[in-house]
């Protein structure tokens, strides 16, 4: 039985993770952690699932989980990893905002046999969208990313958009394509950003508005044609198959792993 601690258990993603883990064979929620908890228990459908804590270290000491699932905030995720990983707790991190270099640094805290896993996106469709974008970038010289999220998202560009752009840049280099992000020089005075943020010469445009969950499209251009690859998450339940996959796989690995595709047969 895989013992799971859900950090950020009162958040929208945390609630979904608790429901998903509880429905699975071979795993259980042993604790929830959130500074906003107002009772001593994590409940699901009126039933007590596990004890609730406001302090991560205390929760680990009392419940001894195998895996920490973290969907919190960019401002707190590093401290959470620094608390859990040295204690031999495998970390499945969905919170974005940390750089690959920071993850590499944090992974050095892991004892032998312990894994720090991060996915910028846990939806299967988003992973495929990023993989397809890498393939398309080999053939299309121009590419731009437009990502749409709810206006409560704490970071822009999103982790998914940044990862997509870096993958496109990697494919361009492999193909020998030298493309600069077009149009920055056309931005009007005091209108910086009209052409988006440049991530390794790939423009990213971030939209934040009520009505969205998580959506992204990648537009490729070549003389006489365009190609658009788009993924839409219309409900947070879409993230759960990827989260469950990561929980099951993380105990079979060690060290630093970034990207759900590492656990998929791609």
Protein backbone atom coordinates (compact mmCIF):
# COMPACT_ATOMS: atom_id res chain seq x y z
CA UNK A 1 0.00 0.00 0.00
CA UNK A 2 1.43 3.39 -1.06
CA UNK A 3 0.94 5.94 1.71
CA UNK A 4 0.25 9.39 0.24
CA UNK A 5 0.43 12.81 1.89
CA UNK A 6 -1.41 15.52 -0.03
CA UNK A 7 0.14 18.95 0.48
CA UNK A 8 -2.26 21.74 -0.41
CA UNK A 9 -5.20 19.52 0.47
CA UNK A 10 -7.69 22.41 0.67
CA UNK A 11 -6.88 23.72 -2.81
CA UNK A 12 -8.78 22.86 -5.96
CA UNK A 13 -6.13 20.42 -7.12
CA UNK A 14 -5.58 19.01 -3.64
CA UNK A 15 -9.24 18.07 -3.29
CA UNK A 16 -9.11 16.30 -6.67
CA UNK A 17 -5.95 14.40 -5.67
CA UNK A 18 -7.55 13.18 -2.43
CA UNK A 19 -10.58 11.92 -4.34
CA UNK A 20 -8.46 10.23 -7.03
CA UNK A 21 -6.07 8.51 -4.60
CA UNK A 22 -8.93 7.32 -2.39
CA UNK A 23 -10.58 5.64 -5.38
CA UNK A 24 -7.46 3.63 -6.27
CA UNK A 25 -6.41 0.17 -5.19
CA UNK A 26 -2.97 -0.07 -3.63
CA UNK A 27 -2.73 3.49 -2.30
CA UNK A 28 -4.26 5.60 0.44
CA UNK A 29 -4.24 9.18 1.72
CA UNK A 30 -2.63 9.17 5.15
CA UNK A 31 -2.51 12.94 5.70
CA UNK A 32 -3.49 16.29 4.28
CA UNK A 33 -1.55 19.48 4.86
CA UNK A 34 -2.74 23.03 4.29
CA UNK A 35 -2.42 26.26 6.27
CA UNK A 36 -6.14 26.78 5.65
CA UNK A 37 -7.37 23.60 7.36
CA UNK A 38 -10.06 24.40 9.90
CA UNK A 39 -10.56 20.95 11.41
CA UNK A 40 -8.41 18.00 12.38
CA UNK A 41 -9.53 15.76 9.56
CA UNK A 42 -9.51 15.46 5.79
CA UNK A 43 -13.02 14.61 4.68
CA UNK A 44 -14.44 13.34 1.41
CA UNK A 45 -18.18 13.18 0.91
CA UNK A 46 -18.72 13.62 4.63
CA UNK A 47 -16.42 10.72 5.49
CA UNK A 48 -13.17 11.16 7.40
CA UNK A 49 -10.26 10.10 5.17
CA UNK A 50 -7.14 11.10 7.10
CA UNK A 51 -5.85 13.55 9.70
CA UNK A 52 -5.26 17.15 8.60
CA UNK A 53 -2.28 19.28 9.56
CA UNK A 54 -1.10 22.85 9.08
CA UNK A 55 2.58 21.88 9.41
CA UNK A 56 4.25 19.60 6.86
CA UNK A 57 7.06 18.33 9.08
CA UNK A 58 4.63 17.39 11.83
CA UNK A 59 2.43 15.56 9.34
CA UNK A 60 5.38 13.53 8.06
CA UNK A 61 6.57 12.65 11.56
CA UNK A 62 3.11 11.46 12.64
CA UNK A 63 1.86 9.68 9.51
CA UNK A 64 5.10 8.48 7.83
CA UNK A 65 4.02 8.73 4.17
CA UNK A 66 5.81 7.12 1.24
CA UNK A 67 4.95 9.87 -1.23
CA UNK A 68 4.33 13.61 -0.93
CA UNK A 69 2.06 15.10 -3.61
CA UNK A 70 2.50 18.88 -3.74
CA UNK A 71 0.07 21.25 -5.41
CA UNK A 72 0.68 24.39 -3.39
CA UNK A 73 2.25 27.68 -4.55
CA UNK A 74 5.54 28.80 -6.11
CA UNK A 75 6.34 30.70 -2.91
CA UNK A 76 6.23 27.57 -0.73
CA UNK A 77 7.11 24.57 -2.90
CA UNK A 78 10.88 24.81 -2.42
CA UNK A 79 10.55 24.79 1.38
CA UNK A 80 8.17 21.83 1.14
CA UNK A 81 10.68 19.82 -0.89
CA UNK A 82 13.49 20.75 1.49
CA UNK A 83 11.38 19.41 4.33
CA UNK A 84 10.23 16.13 2.80
CA UNK A 85 12.98 14.94 0.47
CA UNK A 86 15.83 14.56 3.02
CA UNK A 87 13.50 12.40 5.11
CA UNK A 88 13.34 9.84 2.30
CA UNK A 89 9.87 10.86 1.11
CA UNK A 90 9.40 10.59 -2.67
CA UNK A 91 8.09 13.93 -3.94
CA UNK A 92 5.56 14.27 -6.76
CA UNK A 93 5.42 17.98 -7.49
CA UNK A 94 2.82 19.65 -9.67
CA UNK A 95 3.47 23.17 -8.44
CA UNK A 96 5.26 25.26 -11.05
CA UNK A 97 7.60 28.22 -10.62
CA UNK A 98 10.97 26.56 -9.95
CA UNK A 99 13.69 26.38 -12.59
CA UNK A 100 15.30 23.13 -13.78
CA UNK A 101 18.50 24.33 -12.10
CA UNK A 102 16.68 24.68 -8.78
CA UNK A 103 15.24 21.17 -9.11
CA UNK A 104 18.73 19.86 -9.77
CA UNK A 105 19.96 21.60 -6.63
CA UNK A 106 17.07 20.24 -4.55
CA UNK A 107 17.55 16.71 -5.87
CA UNK A 108 20.93 16.60 -4.13
CA UNK A 109 18.99 16.45 -0.85
CA UNK A 110 17.53 13.06 -1.78
CA UNK A 111 18.89 10.01 0.04
CA UNK A 112 19.69 6.98 -2.12
CA UNK A 113 16.50 5.39 -3.40
CA UNK A 114 14.45 8.59 -3.10
CA UNK A 115 12.99 10.51 -6.07
CA UNK A 116 12.16 14.14 -6.75
CA UNK A 117 9.65 14.13 -9.60
CA UNK A 118 8.18 17.22 -11.22
CA UNK A 119 5.77 17.52 -14.13
CA UNK A 120 4.88 20.93 -15.55
CA UNK A 121 1.60 19.33 -16.60
CA UNK A 122 -0.01 16.06 -15.52
CA UNK A 123 -2.61 15.78 -18.26
CA UNK A 124 -1.88 13.06 -20.80
CA UNK A 125 -3.08 15.30 -23.63
CA UNK A 126 -0.76 18.15 -22.64
CA UNK A 127 2.22 15.79 -22.57
CA UNK A 128 1.34 14.60 -26.07
CA UNK A 129 0.86 18.22 -27.21
CA UNK A 130 4.41 19.02 -26.03
CA UNK A 131 5.82 15.91 -27.71
CA UNK A 132 4.00 16.65 -30.98
CA UNK A 133 5.27 20.24 -30.83
CA UNK A 134 8.85 19.00 -30.63
CA UNK A 135 8.30 16.96 -33.78
CA UNK A 136 6.62 19.83 -35.65
CA UNK A 137 9.38 22.28 -34.71
CA UNK A 138 11.85 20.18 -36.69
CA UNK A 139 10.00 21.13 -39.89
CA UNK A 140 8.41 24.54 -39.21
CA UNK A 141 10.72 27.54 -38.74
CA UNK A 142 8.19 29.78 -36.94
CA UNK A 143 6.40 28.93 -33.69
CA UNK A 144 4.47 30.83 -31.04
CA UNK A 145 2.79 29.63 -27.86
CA UNK A 146 -0.46 31.05 -26.49
CA UNK A 147 -1.53 29.74 -23.08
CA UNK A 148 -4.78 30.46 -21.24
CA UNK A 149 -5.37 29.94 -17.52
CA UNK A 150 -7.74 31.04 -14.76
CA UNK A 151 -6.79 34.37 -13.22
CA UNK A 152 -5.84 32.75 -9.92
CA UNK A 153 -2.73 31.15 -11.42
CA UNK A 154 0.37 32.43 -9.67
CA UNK A 155 2.92 32.25 -12.47
CA UNK A 156 3.20 33.44 -16.06
CA UNK A 157 4.24 32.00 -18.40
CA UNK A 158 2.99 28.63 -17.22
CA UNK A 159 5.38 25.76 -16.64
CA UNK A 160 3.78 23.93 -19.55
CA UNK A 161 4.38 26.87 -21.90
CA UNK A 162 8.00 27.22 -20.86
CA UNK A 163 8.61 23.49 -21.26
CA UNK A 164 6.95 23.58 -24.68
CA UNK A 165 9.15 26.48 -25.80
CA UNK A 166 12.32 24.80 -24.59
CA UNK A 167 11.36 21.61 -26.44
CA UNK A 168 10.75 23.59 -29.63
CA UNK A 169 14.14 25.28 -29.27
CA UNK A 170 15.82 21.91 -28.76
CA UNK A 171 14.26 20.54 -31.94
CA UNK A 172 15.24 23.65 -33.88
CA UNK A 173 18.85 23.20 -32.88
CA UNK A 174 18.75 19.53 -33.90
CA UNK A 175 17.33 20.55 -37.28
CA UNK A 176 19.83 23.36 -37.73
CA UNK A 177 17.07 25.98 -37.75
CA UNK A 178 18.24 29.36 -36.48
CA UNK A 179 15.12 31.40 -35.82
CA UNK A 180 14.88 34.56 -33.74
CA UNK A 181 11.62 35.52 -32.04
CA UNK A 182 10.14 37.92 -34.61
CA UNK A 183 8.79 41.37 -34.09
CA UNK A 184 10.17 42.70 -30.78
CA UNK A 185 11.53 45.63 -32.73
CA UNK A 186 7.99 46.49 -33.87
CA UNK A 187 6.60 46.98 -30.36
CA UNK A 188 5.39 50.56 -29.91
CA UNK A 189 7.00 52.75 -27.25
CA UNK A 190 5.70 51.89 -23.75
CA UNK A 191 3.98 48.81 -25.18
CA UNK A 192 6.66 46.27 -24.30
CA UNK A 193 5.39 42.71 -24.25
CA UNK A 194 3.02 42.99 -27.18
CA UNK A 195 5.02 40.27 -28.90
CA UNK A 196 5.03 38.14 -25.77
CA UNK A 197 7.83 36.83 -23.60
CA UNK A 198 10.74 35.21 -25.41
CA UNK A 199 11.79 31.82 -24.06
CA UNK A 200 14.80 30.62 -26.05
CA UNK A 201 13.53 32.67 -29.02
CA UNK A 202 10.00 31.25 -28.84
CA UNK A 203 7.32 33.89 -28.08
CA UNK A 204 4.86 33.01 -25.32
CA UNK A 205 1.62 34.90 -24.76
CA UNK A 206 -0.13 34.37 -21.40
CA UNK A 207 -3.85 34.98 -20.96
CA UNK A 208 -5.37 35.04 -17.45
CA UNK A 209 -9.14 35.23 -17.14
CA UNK A 210 -12.17 33.78 -15.41
CA UNK A 211 -13.74 30.99 -17.43
CA UNK A 212 -10.51 29.14 -18.21
CA UNK A 213 -8.97 26.13 -16.50
CA UNK A 214 -5.81 25.36 -18.53
CA UNK A 215 -5.46 25.62 -22.29
CA UNK A 216 -2.58 25.97 -24.70
CA UNK A 217 -2.09 26.24 -28.43
CA UNK A 218 1.14 26.18 -30.37
CA UNK A 219 1.02 27.85 -33.79
CA UNK A 220 3.64 26.81 -36.35
CA UNK A 221 4.29 28.65 -39.58
CA UNK A 222 6.04 27.84 -42.82
CA UNK A 223 5.73 29.44 -46.26
CA UNK A 224 2.16 28.90 -47.43
CA UNK A 225 0.88 26.95 -44.41
CA UNK A 226 0.31 26.92 -40.66
CA UNK A 227 -0.14 24.13 -38.16
CA UNK A 228 -1.91 24.55 -34.81
CA UNK A 229 -1.60 22.03 -31.99
CA UNK A 230 -4.02 22.73 -29.13
CA UNK A 231 -4.85 21.10 -25.83
CA UNK A 232 -7.73 22.02 -23.51
CA UNK A 233 -8.20 20.96 -19.90
CA UNK A 234 -11.86 21.64 -19.19
CA UNK A 235 -11.90 20.01 -15.75
CA UNK A 236 -9.20 19.37 -13.15
CA UNK A 237 -10.13 15.71 -13.21
CA UNK A 238 -8.01 15.58 -16.39
CA UNK A 239 -4.87 15.82 -14.27
CA UNK A 240 -5.63 12.83 -12.10
CA UNK A 241 -4.57 9.90 -14.35
CA UNK A 242 -1.14 11.50 -14.63
CA UNK A 243 -0.92 12.12 -10.88
CA UNK A 244 -1.87 8.50 -10.14
CA UNK A 245 0.67 7.26 -12.69
CA UNK A 246 3.40 9.34 -11.02
CA UNK A 247 2.49 8.09 -7.54
CA UNK A 248 2.73 4.49 -8.73
CA UNK A 249 5.99 4.96 -10.63
CA UNK A 250 7.96 7.30 -8.39
CA UNK A 251 8.89 4.61 -5.87
CA UNK A 252 10.53 2.55 -8.63
CA UNK A 253 13.08 5.25 -9.49
CA UNK A 254 15.53 7.56 -7.79
CA UNK A 255 17.11 10.97 -8.23
CA UNK A 256 15.60 13.78 -10.30
CA UNK A 257 12.96 13.12 -12.95
CA UNK A 258 11.21 15.95 -14.81
CA UNK A 259 8.29 15.32 -17.14
CA UNK A 260 5.41 12.86 -17.11
CA UNK A 261 6.59 11.52 -20.46
CA UNK A 262 9.41 9.78 -18.55
CA UNK A 263 6.73 7.48 -17.09
CA UNK A 264 4.87 7.05 -20.37
CA UNK A 265 5.71 4.77 -23.29
CA UNK A 266 6.50 7.53 -25.79
